[in-house]
Protein backbone atom coordinates (compact mmCIF):
# COMPACT_ATOMS: atom_id res chain seq x y z
CA UNK A 1 -9.67 -31.78 34.56
CA UNK A 2 -8.72 -29.97 31.35
CA UNK A 3 -5.10 -30.21 30.21
CA UNK A 4 -3.14 -27.50 28.43
CA UNK A 5 -2.26 -28.28 24.84
CA UNK A 6 1.40 -28.34 23.80
CA UNK A 7 1.20 -25.00 21.88
CA UNK A 8 -0.39 -23.26 24.86
CA UNK A 9 2.18 -24.73 27.20
CA UNK A 10 4.98 -23.45 24.95
CA UNK A 11 3.44 -19.97 24.99
CA UNK A 12 3.34 -19.99 28.79
CA UNK A 13 6.98 -21.07 28.98
CA UNK A 14 7.95 -18.37 26.47
CA UNK A 15 6.17 -15.63 28.41
CA UNK A 16 7.79 -16.36 31.78
CA UNK A 17 11.35 -15.37 30.74
CA UNK A 18 9.98 -12.41 28.78
CA UNK A 19 8.24 -11.09 31.88
CA UNK A 20 11.32 -11.65 34.00
CA UNK A 21 13.54 -10.00 31.39
CA UNK A 22 11.42 -6.85 31.17
CA UNK A 23 11.79 -6.17 34.89
CA UNK A 24 8.36 -7.42 35.94
CA UNK A 25 8.12 -7.83 39.71
CA UNK A 26 5.29 -8.60 42.05
CA UNK A 27 3.86 -5.46 43.62
CA UNK A 28 5.66 -4.57 46.82
CA UNK A 29 8.85 -6.43 46.01
CA UNK A 30 11.91 -4.21 45.65
CA UNK A 31 15.61 -4.88 45.32
CA UNK A 32 17.28 -4.00 48.61
CA UNK A 33 20.92 -2.92 48.59
CA UNK A 34 23.46 -4.85 50.67
CA UNK A 35 23.54 -2.00 53.22
CA UNK A 36 19.86 -2.70 53.99
CA UNK A 37 20.05 -6.50 53.98
CA UNK A 38 19.77 -6.90 57.78
CA UNK A 39 17.41 -4.38 59.36
CA UNK A 40 16.53 -3.54 62.94
CA UNK A 41 13.24 -1.60 63.19
CA UNK A 42 12.65 0.71 66.12
CA UNK A 43 9.46 2.54 67.08
CA UNK A 44 6.29 2.87 65.06
CA UNK A 45 2.78 1.60 65.58
CA UNK A 46 2.59 -2.21 65.72
CA UNK A 47 0.38 -2.56 62.62
CA UNK A 48 2.59 -0.36 60.45
CA UNK A 49 5.74 -1.94 61.78
CA UNK A 50 4.39 -5.40 60.94
CA UNK A 51 3.58 -4.32 57.37
CA UNK A 52 7.09 -2.89 56.89
CA UNK A 53 8.58 -6.11 58.27
CA UNK A 54 6.51 -8.21 55.85
CA UNK A 55 7.60 -6.14 52.86
CA UNK A 56 11.25 -6.26 53.91
CA UNK A 57 11.12 -10.04 54.23
CA UNK A 58 9.29 -10.32 50.89
CA UNK A 59 12.06 -8.24 49.30
CA UNK A 60 14.78 -10.50 50.67
CA UNK A 61 15.69 -8.50 53.77
CA UNK A 62 16.37 -10.06 57.13
CA UNK A 63 14.96 -8.60 60.33
CA UNK A 64 17.18 -8.68 63.38
CA UNK A 65 16.29 -7.96 66.99
CA UNK A 66 19.23 -5.71 67.90
CA UNK A 67 21.03 -2.81 66.24
CA UNK A 68 24.39 -4.58 66.77
CA UNK A 69 23.34 -7.40 64.42
CA UNK A 70 21.93 -5.05 61.76
CA UNK A 71 23.47 -3.46 58.70
CA UNK A 72 20.83 -0.71 59.03
CA UNK A 73 18.54 0.66 61.74
CA UNK A 74 15.14 1.98 60.65
CA UNK A 75 13.49 4.37 63.10
CA UNK A 76 9.76 4.98 62.61
CA UNK A 77 8.72 8.21 64.33
CA UNK A 78 5.93 10.74 64.52
CA UNK A 79 3.05 8.61 63.29
CA UNK A 80 0.03 10.78 62.58
CA UNK A 81 -3.37 9.37 61.63
CA UNK A 82 -6.25 11.79 61.35
CA UNK A 83 -9.72 12.08 59.91
CA UNK A 84 -10.77 15.44 58.52
CA UNK A 85 -14.29 16.40 57.47
CA UNK A 86 -14.37 17.08 53.73
CA UNK A 87 -18.10 17.55 53.07
CA UNK A 88 -21.21 18.34 55.12
CA UNK A 89 -24.92 18.14 54.35
CA UNK A 90 -27.48 20.95 54.65
CA UNK A 91 -27.90 20.17 58.38
CA UNK A 92 -24.18 20.54 59.03
CA UNK A 93 -23.60 16.79 59.46
CA UNK A 94 -20.41 15.29 58.07
CA UNK A 95 -20.98 13.28 54.90
CA UNK A 96 -17.41 12.83 53.73
CA UNK A 97 -13.97 12.50 55.29
CA UNK A 98 -10.33 12.61 54.29
CA UNK A 99 -8.24 10.00 56.09
CA UNK A 100 -4.60 11.03 56.33
CA UNK A 101 -1.74 8.85 57.56
CA UNK A 102 1.79 10.22 57.81
CA UNK A 103 5.01 8.83 59.27
CA UNK A 104 8.52 10.20 59.66
CA UNK A 105 11.47 7.83 59.52
CA UNK A 106 15.22 7.73 59.15
CA UNK A 107 17.79 5.08 58.42
CA UNK A 108 21.24 4.77 59.93
CA UNK A 109 24.01 2.24 59.64
CA UNK A 110 24.97 0.04 62.55
CA UNK A 111 27.70 2.58 63.40
CA UNK A 112 25.22 5.47 63.43
CA UNK A 113 26.07 7.16 60.13
CA UNK A 114 23.05 8.44 58.19
CA UNK A 115 21.97 6.30 55.26
CA UNK A 116 18.71 8.26 54.81
CA UNK A 117 18.03 11.59 56.45
CA UNK A 118 14.73 12.06 58.21
CA UNK A 119 11.89 11.76 55.70
CA UNK A 120 8.13 11.99 55.92
CA UNK A 121 5.74 9.88 53.86
CA UNK A 122 2.03 10.48 53.67
CA UNK A 123 -1.01 8.84 52.14
CA UNK A 124 -4.64 9.84 52.06
CA UNK A 125 -8.00 8.34 51.19
CA UNK A 126 -11.43 9.91 50.87
CA UNK A 127 -14.67 8.28 51.85
CA UNK A 128 -18.35 9.10 52.03
CA UNK A 129 -20.17 8.65 55.31
CA UNK A 130 -23.87 7.91 55.72
CA UNK A 131 -25.01 8.67 59.28
CA UNK A 132 -27.80 6.10 58.83
CA UNK A 133 -25.23 3.31 58.37
CA UNK A 134 -22.74 3.90 61.16
CA UNK A 135 -21.44 0.31 61.32
CA UNK A 136 -20.77 0.27 57.59
CA UNK A 137 -18.90 3.57 57.89
CA UNK A 138 -16.74 2.27 60.74
CA UNK A 139 -15.96 -0.88 58.77
CA UNK A 140 -15.07 1.13 55.67
CA UNK A 141 -12.79 3.42 57.70
CA UNK A 142 -11.00 0.40 59.19
CA UNK A 143 -10.43 -1.08 55.72
CA UNK A 144 -9.19 2.26 54.39
CA UNK A 145 -6.80 2.64 57.34
CA UNK A 146 -5.33 -0.79 56.56
CA UNK A 147 -4.92 0.32 52.96
CA UNK A 148 -3.16 3.49 54.13
CA UNK A 149 -0.80 1.40 56.29
CA UNK A 150 0.06 -0.80 53.30
CA UNK A 151 0.72 2.25 51.14
CA UNK A 152 2.95 3.90 53.77
CA UNK A 153 4.91 0.66 54.28
CA UNK A 154 5.46 0.36 50.51
CA UNK A 155 6.65 3.96 50.31
CA UNK A 156 9.13 3.39 53.13
CA UNK A 157 10.55 0.17 51.65
CA UNK A 158 10.81 1.74 48.18
CA UNK A 159 12.86 4.55 49.70
CA UNK A 160 15.07 2.05 51.50
CA UNK A 161 15.81 0.47 48.13
CA UNK A 162 17.42 3.75 46.96
CA UNK A 163 20.10 3.73 49.67
CA UNK A 164 23.66 3.80 48.39
CA UNK A 165 26.65 2.65 50.36
């Protein structure tokens, strides 16, 4: 096993505080305000809800099972996932799609006062489809949908980090 030399080790130790001082954070991690420290999530598709929960935990939030225990209640509503044809070949067969995922949500305090009015977040991905490779296309769509869910969850948690009060 190769060991780091003393000068290289010093460089590593010098870079760590510099990165922390410049505001560097791991992707997905946000600073949650005290009013969003204990969250109860209601509604939403299970996969999206799980991704939001993971990001909240990663950002230092605590998930609670009832609204009475929470400092904030997040309601995920009106989930819309759709696939639209974007391109067709000369025979009229679809060769490309737009995948669109949108969710509405709002955030209230435990007492019911609005912390965030109803908002809608949306993400989209494009992909090419080869009718000769159906299984590959289905697999690619599944992967892209997971990516859309991650993006939507990040958008929601970033917006929660802007709450004041």
